[in-house]
PDB file of N, CA and C in Angstrom:
ATOM      1  N   MET A   1      -8.716  33.419  -5.466  1.00  0.00           N
ATOM      2  CA  MET A   1      -9.290  32.156  -5.312  1.00  0.00           C
ATOM      3  C   MET A   1     -10.814  32.686  -4.029  1.00  0.00           C
ATOM      4  N   MET A   2     -11.325  31.959  -4.582  1.00  0.00           N
ATOM      5  CA  MET A   2     -12.708  32.965  -4.013  1.00  0.00           C
ATOM      6  C   MET A   2     -13.116  32.774  -2.134  1.00  0.00           C
ATOM      7  N   ASN A   3     -13.565  33.057  -1.709  1.00  0.00           N
ATOM      8  CA  ASN A   3     -13.600  33.306  -0.380  1.00  0.00           C
ATOM      9  C   ASN A   3     -15.418  32.667  -0.006  1.00  0.00           C
ATOM     10  N   HIS A   4     -15.096  31.651   1.652  1.00  0.00           N
ATOM     11  CA  HIS A   4     -16.631  31.741   1.695  1.00  0.00           C
ATOM     12  C   HIS A   4     -17.556  32.600   0.912  1.00  0.00           C
ATOM     13  N   ARG A   5     -17.396  33.850   1.329  1.00  0.00           N
ATOM     14  CA  ARG A   5     -18.921  34.907   1.253  1.00  0.00           C
ATOM     15  C   ARG A   5     -19.266  34.911  -0.127  1.00  0.00           C
ATOM     16  N   SER A   6     -17.975  35.855  -1.658  1.00  0.00           N
ATOM     17  CA  SER A   6     -18.006  35.501  -2.731  1.00  0.00           C
ATOM     18  C   SER A   6     -18.330  34.662  -3.266  1.00  0.00           C
ATOM     19  N   ALA A   7     -18.427  32.794  -2.718  1.00  0.00           N
ATOM     20  CA  ALA A   7     -18.791  31.943  -3.411  1.00  0.00           C
ATOM     21  C   ALA A   7     -20.217  31.982  -2.759  1.00  0.00           C
ATOM     22  N   ALA A   8     -20.647  32.212  -1.649  1.00  0.00           N
ATOM     23  CA  ALA A   8     -21.644  32.579  -1.667  1.00  0.00           C
ATOM     24  C   ALA A   8     -22.841  33.200  -2.486  1.00  0.00           C
ATOM     25  N   ILE A   9     -22.516  33.995  -2.726  1.00  0.00           N
ATOM     26  CA  ILE A   9     -23.169  35.521  -3.642  1.00  0.00           C
ATOM     27  C   ILE A   9     -22.792  34.971  -5.291  1.00  0.00           C
ATOM     28  N   SER A  10     -22.048  33.756  -5.425  1.00  0.00           N
ATOM     29  CA  SER A  10     -22.064  33.751  -7.233  1.00  0.00           C
ATOM     30  C   SER A  10     -23.076  32.562  -6.813  1.00  0.00           C
ATOM     31  N   ASN A  11     -22.994  31.926  -6.403  1.00  0.00           N
ATOM     32  CA  ASN A  11     -24.195  31.039  -5.919  1.00  0.00           C
ATOM     33  C   ASN A  11     -25.702  30.987  -5.758  1.00  0.00           C
ATOM     34  N   ALA A  12     -26.334  32.084  -5.422  1.00  0.00           N
ATOM     35  CA  ALA A  12     -27.430  33.202  -5.927  1.00  0.00           C
ATOM     36  C   ALA A  12     -27.107  33.443  -7.050  1.00  0.00           C
ATOM     37  N   VAL A  13     -26.268  34.146  -7.234  1.00  0.00           N
ATOM     38  CA  VAL A  13     -26.225  34.455  -8.564  1.00  0.00           C
ATOM     39  C   VAL A  13     -26.453  33.826  -9.717  1.00  0.00           C
ATOM     40  N   PHE A  14     -25.908  31.998 -10.050  1.00  0.00           N
ATOM     41  CA  PHE A  14     -26.453  31.137 -10.335  1.00  0.00           C
ATOM     42  C   PHE A  14     -27.645  31.018 -10.413  1.00  0.00           C
ATOM     43  N   VAL A  15     -28.099  30.696  -9.460  1.00  0.00           N
ATOM     44  CA  VAL A  15     -29.511  30.286  -9.529  1.00  0.00           C
ATOM     45  C   VAL A  15     -30.728  31.319 -10.295  1.00  0.00           C
ATOM     46  N   ALA A  16     -30.848  32.887  -9.439  1.00  0.00           N
ATOM     47  CA  ALA A  16     -31.168  33.390  -9.865  1.00  0.00           C
ATOM     48  C   ALA A  16     -31.325  33.783 -11.274  1.00  0.00           C
ATOM     49  N   ALA A  17     -30.383  33.623 -11.818  1.00  0.00           N
ATOM     50  CA  ALA A  17     -30.482  33.657 -12.995  1.00  0.00           C
ATOM     51  C   ALA A  17     -30.513  32.361 -14.010  1.00  0.00           C
ATOM     52  N   THR A  18     -30.132  30.737 -12.928  1.00  0.00           N
ATOM     53  CA  THR A  18     -31.306  29.925 -14.104  1.00  0.00           C
ATOM     54  C   THR A  18     -32.968  30.274 -13.491  1.00  0.00           C
ATOM     55  N   PHE A  19     -33.903  30.262 -12.834  1.00  0.00           N
ATOM     56  CA  PHE A  19     -34.931  31.169 -12.365  1.00  0.00           C
ATOM     57  C   PHE A  19     -35.539  31.715 -13.902  1.00  0.00           C
ATOM     58  N   ALA A  20     -33.915  33.207 -14.025  1.00  0.00           N
ATOM     59  CA  ALA A  20     -34.378  33.801 -14.802  1.00  0.00           C
ATOM     60  C   ALA A  20     -34.836  33.249 -16.572  1.00  0.00           C
ATOM     61  N   VAL A  21     -33.155  32.498 -16.592  1.00  0.00           N
ATOM     62  CA  VAL A  21     -33.481  32.087 -17.771  1.00  0.00           C
ATOM     63  C   VAL A  21     -35.192  31.045 -17.768  1.00  0.00           C
ATOM     64  N   ALA A  22     -35.328  30.390 -17.317  1.00  0.00           N
ATOM     65  CA  ALA A  22     -36.601  29.230 -17.693  1.00  0.00           C
ATOM     66  C   ALA A  22     -37.602  30.361 -17.366  1.00  0.00           C
ATOM     67  N   PHE A  23     -37.632  31.313 -17.127  1.00  0.00           N
ATOM     68  CA  PHE A  23     -39.159  32.442 -17.061  1.00  0.00           C
ATOM     69  C   PHE A  23     -39.042  33.074 -17.893  1.00  0.00           C
ATOM     70  N   TRP A  24     -38.586  32.767 -18.857  1.00  0.00           N
ATOM     71  CA  TRP A  24     -37.473  33.563 -20.486  1.00  0.00           C
ATOM     72  C   TRP A  24     -38.193  32.724 -21.338  1.00  0.00           C
ATOM     73  N   THR A  25     -37.966  31.505 -21.214  1.00  0.00           N
ATOM     74  CA  THR A  25     -38.120  30.795 -22.001  1.00  0.00           C
ATOM     75  C   THR A  25     -39.667  30.300 -21.912  1.00  0.00           C
ATOM     76  N   VAL A  26     -40.384  30.099 -20.610  1.00  0.00           N
ATOM     77  CA  VAL A  26     -41.828  29.574 -20.582  1.00  0.00           C
ATOM     78  C   VAL A  26     -42.318  31.179 -21.087  1.00  0.00           C
ATOM     79  N   HIS A  27     -42.000  32.137 -20.568  1.00  0.00           N
ATOM     80  CA  HIS A  27     -42.757  33.442 -21.950  1.00  0.00           C
ATOM     81  C   HIS A  27     -42.289  33.649 -22.909  1.00  0.00           C
ATOM     82  N   ARG A  28     -41.657  32.638 -23.980  1.00  0.00           N
ATOM     83  CA  ARG A  28     -41.820  32.860 -25.061  1.00  0.00           C
ATOM     84  C   ARG A  28     -41.972  30.983 -26.114  1.00  0.00           C
ATOM     85  N   LEU A  29     -43.040  30.703 -24.925  1.00  0.00           N
ATOM     86  CA  LEU A  29     -43.115  28.998 -25.892  1.00  0.00           C
ATOM     87  C   LEU A  29     -44.730  29.409 -26.290  1.00  0.00           C
ATOM     88  N   ALA A  30     -44.655  28.742 -26.555  1.00  0.00           N
ATOM     89  CA  ALA A  30     -46.158  29.208 -28.147  1.00  0.00           C
ATOM     90  C   ALA A  30     -47.577  28.206 -26.825  1.00  0.00           C
ATOM     91  N   ALA A  31     -48.216  28.609 -26.893  1.00  0.00           N
ATOM     92  CA  ALA A  31     -49.096  27.820 -25.777  1.00  0.00           C
ATOM     93  C   ALA A  31     -49.759  26.524 -26.481  1.00  0.00           C
ATOM     94  N   GLY A  32     -49.572  25.518 -25.386  1.00  0.00           N
ATOM     95  CA  GLY A  32     -50.190  24.684 -25.499  1.00  0.00           C
ATOM     96  C   GLY A  32     -48.842  23.441 -25.792  1.00  0.00           C
ATOM     97  N   VAL A  33     -47.626  23.690 -25.735  1.00  0.00           N
ATOM     98  CA  VAL A  33     -46.805  23.493 -26.746  1.00  0.00           C
ATOM     99  C   VAL A  33     -46.360  22.430 -24.647  1.00  0.00           C
ATOM    100  N   GLN A  34     -45.734  21.241 -25.588  1.00  0.00           N
ATOM    101  CA  GLN A  34     -45.894  19.826 -24.668  1.00  0.00           C
ATOM    102  C   GLN A  34     -44.435  18.907 -25.417  1.00  0.00           C
ATOM    103  N   VAL A  35     -44.878  18.053 -23.777  1.00  0.00           N
ATOM    104  CA  VAL A  35     -42.628  17.982 -23.960  1.00  0.00           C
ATOM    105  C   VAL A  35     -42.977  16.758 -23.962  1.00  0.00           C
ATOM    106  N   ALA A  36     -42.120  15.346 -24.623  1.00  0.00           N
ATOM    107  CA  ALA A  36     -42.600  14.635 -24.320  1.00  0.00           C
ATOM    108  C   ALA A  36     -41.782  14.156 -22.953  1.00  0.00           C
ATOM    109  N   ILE A  37     -41.765  12.434 -21.223  1.00  0.00           N
ATOM    110  CA  ILE A  37     -40.808  13.240 -20.564  1.00  0.00           C
ATOM    111  C   ILE A  37     -40.486  11.291 -20.748  1.00  0.00           C
ATOM    112  N   HIS A  38     -41.279  10.404 -21.463  1.00  0.00           N
ATOM    113  CA  HIS A  38     -41.232   8.921 -20.783  1.00  0.00           C
ATOM    114  C   HIS A  38     -41.611   8.351 -22.376  1.00  0.00           C
ATOM    115  N   TRP A  39     -40.733   7.016 -23.032  1.00  0.00           N
ATOM    116  CA  TRP A  39     -40.954   6.798 -23.810  1.00  0.00           C
ATOM    117  C   TRP A  39     -41.132   5.004 -23.072  1.00  0.00           C
ATOM    118  N   GLY A  40     -42.279   4.551 -24.714  1.00  0.00           N
ATOM    119  CA  GLY A  40     -42.992   2.904 -24.502  1.00  0.00           C
ATOM    120  C   GLY A  40     -41.972   2.449 -24.801  1.00  0.00           C
ATOM    121  N   PRO A  41     -41.871   0.850 -24.389  1.00  0.00           N
ATOM    122  CA  PRO A  41     -40.166  -0.242 -25.396  1.00  0.00           C
ATOM    123  C   PRO A  41     -40.397  -0.309 -26.903  1.00  0.00           C
ATOM    124  N   ASP A  42     -41.812   0.607 -27.656  1.00  0.00           N
ATOM    125  CA  ASP A  42     -41.949   0.659 -28.538  1.00  0.00           C
ATOM    126  C   ASP A  42     -41.439   1.951 -29.072  1.00  0.00           C
ATOM    127  N   ASN A  43     -40.039   2.769 -28.621  1.00  0.00           N
ATOM    128  CA  ASN A  43     -39.503   3.887 -28.329  1.00  0.00           C
ATOM    129  C   ASN A  43     -40.628   5.284 -28.979  1.00  0.00           C
ATOM    130  N   ARG A  44     -42.054   4.909 -28.074  1.00  0.00           N
ATOM    131  CA  ARG A  44     -43.085   6.043 -29.140  1.00  0.00           C
ATOM    132  C   ARG A  44     -42.962   6.796 -27.781  1.00  0.00           C
ATOM    133  N   ALA A  45     -43.297   7.765 -27.959  1.00  0.00           N
ATOM    134  CA  ALA A  45     -43.459   8.553 -26.775  1.00  0.00           C
ATOM    135  C   ALA A  45     -45.119   8.663 -25.877  1.00  0.00           C
ATOM    136  N   ASP A  46     -45.554   8.011 -25.091  1.00  0.00           N
ATOM    137  CA  ASP A  46     -46.650   8.087 -24.127  1.00  0.00           C
ATOM    138  C   ASP A  46     -46.504   8.807 -23.241  1.00  0.00           C
ATOM    139  N   ALA A  47     -45.730   9.405 -22.505  1.00  0.00           N
ATOM    140  CA  ALA A  47     -45.716  10.655 -21.278  1.00  0.00           C
ATOM    141  C   ALA A  47     -46.169  12.240 -21.907  1.00  0.00           C
ATOM    142  N   TRP A  48     -46.628  13.133 -21.393  1.00  0.00           N
ATOM    143  CA  TRP A  48     -46.470  14.156 -21.518  1.00  0.00           C
ATOM    144  C   TRP A  48     -46.312  15.257 -20.689  1.00  0.00           C
ATOM    145  N   VAL A  49     -46.138  16.412 -20.972  1.00  0.00           N
ATOM    146  CA  VAL A  49     -46.266  17.730 -19.823  1.00  0.00           C
ATOM    147  C   VAL A  49     -45.940  18.845 -20.648  1.00  0.00           C
ATOM    148  N   GLY A  50     -46.236  19.131 -20.076  1.00  0.00           N
ATOM    149  CA  GLY A  50     -46.774  21.085 -20.520  1.00  0.00           C
ATOM    150  C   GLY A  50     -45.247  21.822 -20.574  1.00  0.00           C
ATOM    151  N   GLY A  51     -44.645  22.109 -21.455  1.00  0.00           N
ATOM    152  CA  GLY A  51     -43.218  22.903 -22.047  1.00  0.00           C
ATOM    153  C   GLY A  51     -42.626  23.971 -20.700  1.00  0.00           C
ATOM    154  N   SER A  52     -44.247  24.439 -20.063  1.00  0.00           N
ATOM    155  CA  SER A  52     -43.220  25.464 -18.963  1.00  0.00           C
ATOM    156  C   SER A  52     -43.058  24.788 -18.265  1.00  0.00           C
ATOM    157  N   ALA A  53     -44.095  23.439 -17.360  1.00  0.00           N
ATOM    158  CA  ALA A  53     -43.310  22.799 -16.326  1.00  0.00           C
ATOM    159  C   ALA A  53     -42.581  21.615 -16.235  1.00  0.00           C
ATOM    160  N   ILE A  54     -41.917  21.952 -17.035  1.00  0.00           N
ATOM    161  CA  ILE A  54     -40.314  21.009 -18.032  1.00  0.00           C
ATOM    162  C   ILE A  54     -39.683  21.834 -17.089  1.00  0.00           C
ATOM    163  N   GLN A  55     -39.699  23.210 -17.936  1.00  0.00           N
ATOM    164  CA  GLN A  55     -38.142  24.186 -17.981  1.00  0.00           C
ATOM    165  C   GLN A  55     -38.837  24.965 -16.386  1.00  0.00           C
ATOM    166  N   LEU A  56     -39.101  24.556 -15.018  1.00  0.00           N
ATOM    167  CA  LEU A  56     -38.767  24.447 -14.388  1.00  0.00           C
ATOM    168  C   LEU A  56     -38.510  23.623 -13.239  1.00  0.00           C
ATOM    169  N   VAL A  57     -38.334  22.273 -13.428  1.00  0.00           N
ATOM    170  CA  VAL A  57     -37.498  21.208 -12.583  1.00  0.00           C
ATOM    171  C   VAL A  57     -36.174  22.096 -12.507  1.00  0.00           C
ATOM    172  N   ASN A  58     -35.448  22.224 -12.834  1.00  0.00           N
ATOM    173  CA  ASN A  58     -33.925  22.579 -12.458  1.00  0.00           C
ATOM    174  C   ASN A  58     -33.428  24.061 -11.680  1.00  0.00           C
ATOM    175  N   PRO A  59     -34.402  25.116 -12.738  1.00  0.00           N
ATOM    176  CA  PRO A  59     -34.475  26.363 -11.014  1.00  0.00           C
ATOM    177  C   PRO A  59     -34.371  25.352  -9.863  1.00  0.00           C
ATOM    178  N   ILE A  60     -35.701  24.141  -9.821  1.00  0.00           N
ATOM    179  CA  ILE A  60     -36.750  24.575  -8.574  1.00  0.00           C
ATOM    180  C   ILE A  60     -35.072  23.392  -7.541  1.00  0.00           C
ATOM    181  N   ILE A  61     -34.703  22.753  -8.607  1.00  0.00           N
ATOM    182  CA  ILE A  61     -33.842  21.831  -7.937  1.00  0.00           C
ATOM    183  C   ILE A  61     -32.497  22.442  -6.913  1.00  0.00           C
ATOM    184  N   ALA A  62     -32.401  23.411  -7.862  1.00  0.00           N
ATOM    185  CA  ALA A  62     -30.822  23.934  -8.210  1.00  0.00           C
ATOM    186  C   ALA A  62     -31.213  25.681  -7.025  1.00  0.00           C
ATOM    187  N   LEU A  63     -32.827  25.662  -6.768  1.00  0.00           N
ATOM    188  CA  LEU A  63     -33.349  26.062  -5.644  1.00  0.00           C
ATOM    189  C   LEU A  63     -33.044  25.548  -4.108  1.00  0.00           C
ATOM    190  N   VAL A  64     -34.024  24.164  -4.038  1.00  0.00           N
ATOM    191  CA  VAL A  64     -33.350  24.304  -3.068  1.00  0.00           C
ATOM    192  C   VAL A  64     -32.246  22.965  -2.348  1.00  0.00           C
ATOM    193  N   LEU A  65     -31.144  23.298  -3.537  1.00  0.00           N
ATOM    194  CA  LEU A  65     -30.380  22.875  -3.069  1.00  0.00           C
ATOM    195  C   LEU A  65     -29.469  24.049  -2.374  1.00  0.00           C
ATOM    196  N   TRP A  66     -29.246  25.161  -2.811  1.00  0.00           N
ATOM    197  CA  TRP A  66     -28.959  26.974  -2.806  1.00  0.00           C
ATOM    198  C   TRP A  66     -29.574  27.167  -1.146  1.00  0.00           C
ATOM    199  N   PHE A  67     -30.776  26.131  -0.954  1.00  0.00           N
ATOM    200  CA  PHE A  67     -31.374  26.344   0.370  1.00  0.00           C
ATOM    201  C   PHE A  67     -30.878  25.865   1.309  1.00  0.00           C
ATOM    202  N   LEU A  68     -30.494  24.182   1.110  1.00  0.00           N
ATOM    203  CA  LEU A  68     -29.810  23.211   2.095  1.00  0.00           C
ATOM    204  C   LEU A  68     -28.467  23.936   1.957  1.00  0.00           C
ATOM    205  N   LEU A  69     -28.174  24.438   1.490  1.00  0.00           N
ATOM    206  CA  LEU A  69     -26.646  24.988   1.605  1.00  0.00           C
ATOM    207  C   LEU A  69     -26.228  26.388   2.428  1.00  0.00           C
ATOM    208  N   SER A  70     -27.624  27.347   2.113  1.00  0.00           N
ATOM    209  CA  SER A  70     -27.341  28.344   2.759  1.00  0.00           C
ATOM    210  C   SER A  70     -27.626  28.390   4.762  1.00  0.00           C
ATOM    211  N   THR A  71     -28.906  27.064   4.100  1.00  0.00           N
ATOM    212  CA  THR A  71     -29.218  27.007   5.841  1.00  0.00           C
ATOM    213  C   THR A  71     -28.222  25.884   6.599  1.00  0.00           C
ATOM    214  N   CYS A  72     -27.297  25.658   6.476  1.00  0.00           N
ATOM    215  CA  CYS A  72     -26.760  24.400   6.656  1.00  0.00           C
ATOM    216  C   CYS A  72     -25.330  24.173   7.577  1.00  0.00           C
ATOM    217  N   PRO A  73     -25.243  25.377   6.190  1.00  0.00           N
ATOM    218  CA  PRO A  73     -23.323  24.693   5.620  1.00  0.00           C
ATOM    219  C   PRO A  73     -22.201  24.110   6.521  1.00  0.00           C
ATOM    220  N   GLN A  74     -22.750  24.093   8.036  1.00  0.00           N
ATOM    221  CA  GLN A  74     -21.864  22.642   8.878  1.00  0.00           C
ATOM    222  C   GLN A  74     -21.577  21.275   8.280  1.00  0.00           C
ATOM    223  N   GLY A  75     -23.928  21.387   8.388  1.00  0.00           N
ATOM    224  CA  GLY A  75     -24.284  19.834   8.282  1.00  0.00           C
ATOM    225  C   GLY A  75     -23.048  19.482   7.314  1.00  0.00           C
ATOM    226  N   PHE A  76     -22.866  20.273   5.884  1.00  0.00           N
ATOM    227  CA  PHE A  76     -21.903  19.381   5.008  1.00  0.00           C
ATOM    228  C   PHE A  76     -20.818  19.214   5.532  1.00  0.00           C
ATOM    229  N   SER A  77     -19.762  19.797   6.294  1.00  0.00           N
ATOM    230  CA  SER A  77     -17.913  19.584   6.432  1.00  0.00           C
ATOM    231  C   SER A  77     -18.376  20.278   8.154  1.00  0.00           C
ATOM    232  N   SER A  78     -16.991  19.478   8.151  1.00  0.00           N
ATOM    233  CA  SER A  78     -17.020  20.208   9.794  1.00  0.00           C
ATOM    234  C   SER A  78     -15.942  21.185   9.778  1.00  0.00           C
ATOM    235  N   THR A  79     -14.838  21.858   9.233  1.00  0.00           N
ATOM    236  CA  THR A  79     -14.154  22.420   9.099  1.00  0.00           C
ATOM    237  C   THR A  79     -14.782  23.727   8.659  1.00  0.00           C
ATOM    238  N   ALA A  80     -14.403  24.786   8.855  1.00  0.00           N
ATOM    239  CA  ALA A  80     -14.627  26.381   8.295  1.00  0.00           C
ATOM    240  C   ALA A  80     -14.003  26.355   6.498  1.00  0.00           C
ATOM    241  N   GLU A  81     -12.535  25.026   6.897  1.00  0.00           N
ATOM    242  CA  GLU A  81     -12.041  25.307   5.558  1.00  0.00           C
ATOM    243  C   GLU A  81     -12.859  24.530   4.390  1.00  0.00           C
ATOM    244  N   SER A  82     -12.994  23.539   5.077  1.00  0.00           N
ATOM    245  CA  SER A  82     -14.332  22.542   3.833  1.00  0.00           C
ATOM    246  C   SER A  82     -15.832  23.084   3.693  1.00  0.00           C
ATOM    247  N   THR A  83     -16.080  24.424   4.911  1.00  0.00           N
ATOM    248  CA  THR A  83     -17.154  24.424   4.335  1.00  0.00           C
ATOM    249  C   THR A  83     -17.595  26.030   2.806  1.00  0.00           C
ATOM    250  N   LYS A  84     -15.613  26.277   2.895  1.00  0.00           N
ATOM    251  CA  LYS A  84     -15.895  27.227   1.778  1.00  0.00           C
ATOM    252  C   LYS A  84     -15.687  26.087   0.540  1.00  0.00           C
ATOM    253  N   ARG A  85     -14.091  25.216   0.212  1.00  0.00           N
ATOM    254  CA  ARG A  85     -14.592  24.444  -0.592  1.00  0.00           C
ATOM    255  C   ARG A  85     -15.960  24.174  -0.361  1.00  0.00           C
ATOM    256  N   VAL A  86     -17.213  23.561   0.493  1.00  0.00           N
ATOM    257  CA  VAL A  86     -18.057  22.744  -0.485  1.00  0.00           C
ATOM    258  C   VAL A  86     -18.642  24.158  -1.104  1.00  0.00           C
ATOM    259  N   HIS A  87     -18.793  25.528  -0.416  1.00  0.00           N
ATOM    260  CA  HIS A  87     -19.387  26.044  -1.449  1.00  0.00           C
ATOM    261  C   HIS A  87     -18.546  26.651  -2.540  1.00  0.00           C
ATOM    262  N   MET A  88     -17.074  26.585  -2.676  1.00  0.00           N
ATOM    263  CA  MET A  88     -16.828  27.261  -4.468  1.00  0.00           C
ATOM    264  C   MET A  88     -17.387  25.716  -5.096  1.00  0.00           C
ATOM    265  N   ARG A  89     -17.863  24.418  -4.869  1.00  0.00           N
ATOM    266  CA  ARG A  89     -17.703  23.163  -5.287  1.00  0.00           C
ATOM    267  C   ARG A  89     -19.703  23.523  -5.577  1.00  0.00           C
ATOM    268  N   PHE A  90     -20.125  24.081  -4.674  1.00  0.00           N
ATOM    269  CA  PHE A  90     -21.332  23.962  -5.259  1.00  0.00           C
ATOM    270  C   PHE A  90     -21.772  25.346  -6.523  1.00  0.00           C
ATOM    271  N   SER A  91     -20.489  25.987  -6.549  1.00  0.00           N
ATOM    272  CA  SER A  91     -20.900  27.088  -7.476  1.00  0.00           C
ATOM    273  C   SER A  91     -19.866  26.552  -8.639  1.00  0.00           C
ATOM    274  N   GLY A  92     -19.345  25.677  -8.678  1.00  0.00           N
ATOM    275  CA  GLY A  92     -19.320  24.731 -10.585  1.00  0.00           C
ATOM    276  C   GLY A  92     -21.213  23.639 -11.025  1.00  0.00           C
ATOM    277  N   VAL A  93     -21.538  22.951  -9.964  1.00  0.00           N
ATOM    278  CA  VAL A  93     -22.519  22.338  -9.176  1.00  0.00           C
ATOM    279  C   VAL A  93     -23.981  23.541 -10.084  1.00  0.00           C
ATOM    280  N   PHE A  94     -23.795  25.061  -9.814  1.00  0.00           N
ATOM    281  CA  PHE A  94     -24.994  25.556 -10.069  1.00  0.00           C
ATOM    282  C   PHE A  94     -25.070  26.153 -10.842  1.00  0.00           C
ATOM    283  N   LEU A  95     -23.499  26.710 -11.630  1.00  0.00           N
ATOM    284  CA  LEU A  95     -23.530  27.075 -12.914  1.00  0.00           C
ATOM    285  C   LEU A  95     -23.486  26.168 -14.310  1.00  0.00           C
ATOM    286  N   ILE A  96     -23.197  24.503 -13.019  1.00  0.00           N
ATOM    287  CA  ILE A  96     -23.091  23.830 -14.639  1.00  0.00           C
ATOM    288  C   ILE A  96     -25.007  24.100 -15.155  1.00  0.00           C
ATOM    289  N   GLN A  97     -25.193  23.782 -13.647  1.00  0.00           N
ATOM    290  CA  GLN A  97     -27.651  23.803 -14.180  1.00  0.00           C
ATOM    291  C   GLN A  97     -27.781  25.164 -14.958  1.00  0.00           C
ATOM    292  N   LEU A  98     -26.917  26.414 -14.813  1.00  0.00           N
ATOM    293  CA  LEU A  98     -27.167  27.404 -16.229  1.00  0.00           C
ATOM    294  C   LEU A  98     -27.367  27.037 -17.400  1.00  0.00           C
ATOM    295  N   ILE A  99     -25.964  26.735 -17.482  1.00  0.00           N
ATOM    296  CA  ILE A  99     -25.471  26.113 -19.153  1.00  0.00           C
ATOM    297  C   ILE A  99     -26.577  25.227 -18.618  1.00  0.00           C
ATOM    298  N   ILE A 100     -27.141  23.992 -17.911  1.00  0.00           N
ATOM    299  CA  ILE A 100     -28.014  23.018 -19.107  1.00  0.00           C
ATOM    300  C   ILE A 100     -29.761  23.490 -18.889  1.00  0.00           C
ATOM    301  N   GLN A 101     -29.494  25.004 -17.964  1.00  0.00           N
ATOM    302  CA  GLN A 101     -31.415  25.765 -18.714  1.00  0.00           C
ATOM    303  C   GLN A 101     -30.777  26.321 -19.572  1.00  0.00           C
ATOM    304  N   LEU A 102     -29.740  26.638 -20.283  1.00  0.00           N
ATOM    305  CA  LEU A 102     -29.532  27.805 -21.220  1.00  0.00           C
ATOM    306  C   LEU A 102     -29.521  26.198 -22.490  1.00  0.00           C
ATOM    307  N   LEU A 103     -29.579  25.703 -23.058  1.00  0.00           N
ATOM    308  CA  LEU A 103     -28.973  24.252 -23.906  1.00  0.00           C
ATOM    309  C   LEU A 103     -30.491  24.399 -23.863  1.00  0.00           C
ATOM    310  N   MET A 104     -31.402  24.244 -22.867  1.00  0.00           N
ATOM    311  CA  MET A 104     -33.055  23.679 -22.772  1.00  0.00           C
ATOM    312  C   MET A 104     -33.475  24.841 -23.538  1.00  0.00           C
ATOM    313  N   ALA A 105     -32.747  25.422 -22.999  1.00  0.00           N
ATOM    314  CA  ALA A 105     -34.225  26.419 -23.387  1.00  0.00           C
ATOM    315  C   ALA A 105     -33.404  27.380 -25.200  1.00  0.00           C
ATOM    316  N   MET A 106     -32.676  27.425 -24.902  1.00  0.00           N
ATOM    317  CA  MET A 106     -32.492  26.777 -26.868  1.00  0.00           C
ATOM    318  C   MET A 106     -32.358  25.988 -27.876  1.00  0.00           C
ATOM    319  N   HIS A 107     -33.314  24.895 -27.139  1.00  0.00           N
ATOM    320  CA  HIS A 107     -33.419  23.793 -27.734  1.00  0.00           C
ATOM    321  C   HIS A 107     -35.165  24.059 -27.844  1.00  0.00           C
ATOM    322  N   VAL A 108     -35.577  24.215 -26.682  1.00  0.00           N
ATOM    323  CA  VAL A 108     -36.934  24.392 -26.581  1.00  0.00           C
ATOM    324  C   VAL A 108     -37.481  25.098 -27.541  1.00  0.00           C
ATOM    325  N   LEU A 109     -36.665  26.581 -27.972  1.00  0.00           N
ATOM    326  CA  LEU A 109     -36.967  27.528 -28.326  1.00  0.00           C
ATOM    327  C   LEU A 109     -36.843  27.589 -30.094  1.00  0.00           C
ATOM    328  N   GLY A 110     -35.827  26.070 -30.288  1.00  0.00           N
ATOM    329  CA  GLY A 110     -35.974  25.884 -31.585  1.00  0.00           C
ATOM    330  C   GLY A 110     -33.974  27.482 -32.104  1.00  0.00           C
ATOM    331  N   MET A 111     -33.730  27.225 -31.571  1.00  0.00           N
ATOM    332  CA  MET A 111     -32.451  27.631 -31.752  1.00  0.00           C
ATOM    333  C   MET A 111     -31.178  27.237 -31.419  1.00  0.00           C
ATOM    334  N   VAL A 112     -30.823  27.603 -33.152  1.00  0.00           N
ATOM    335  CA  VAL A 112     -29.557  26.422 -33.295  1.00  0.00           C
ATOM    336  C   VAL A 112     -28.337  26.595 -32.705  1.00  0.00           C
ATOM    337  N   VAL A 113     -28.424  25.121 -32.027  1.00  0.00           N
ATOM    338  CA  VAL A 113     -26.039  26.475 -31.849  1.00  0.00           C
ATOM    339  C   VAL A 113     -25.414  26.209 -32.546  1.00  0.00           C
ATOM    340  N   ALA A 114     -24.566  26.819 -32.888  1.00  0.00           N
ATOM    341  CA  ALA A 114     -23.090  26.016 -34.305  1.00  0.00           C
ATOM    342  C   ALA A 114     -21.767  26.551 -33.493  1.00  0.00           C
TER     343      ALA A 114
END
């Protein structure tokens, strides 16, 4: 079973890995890549953003969550035991964010998922 300290370390590793994947992807994107972020009523894309900007949304959200968890873990729970559970649950959230970032990178870079 994971303790509070190992969960906090794994959370930091997951967030750092999410940023690493994002920067790795941005570095490999072709210049001027645009990603659709909004579609109109006729199902045509009508709003675009640079590919590098969209790759950084998920890591920034992970960083904000990690910062909140690191600075005020007692704000999420009333006892040390429930604080441990909160850290462990956030480990799952950060792992899911890392997986999503990997899938986004594979999609944007045109890698086939087999």
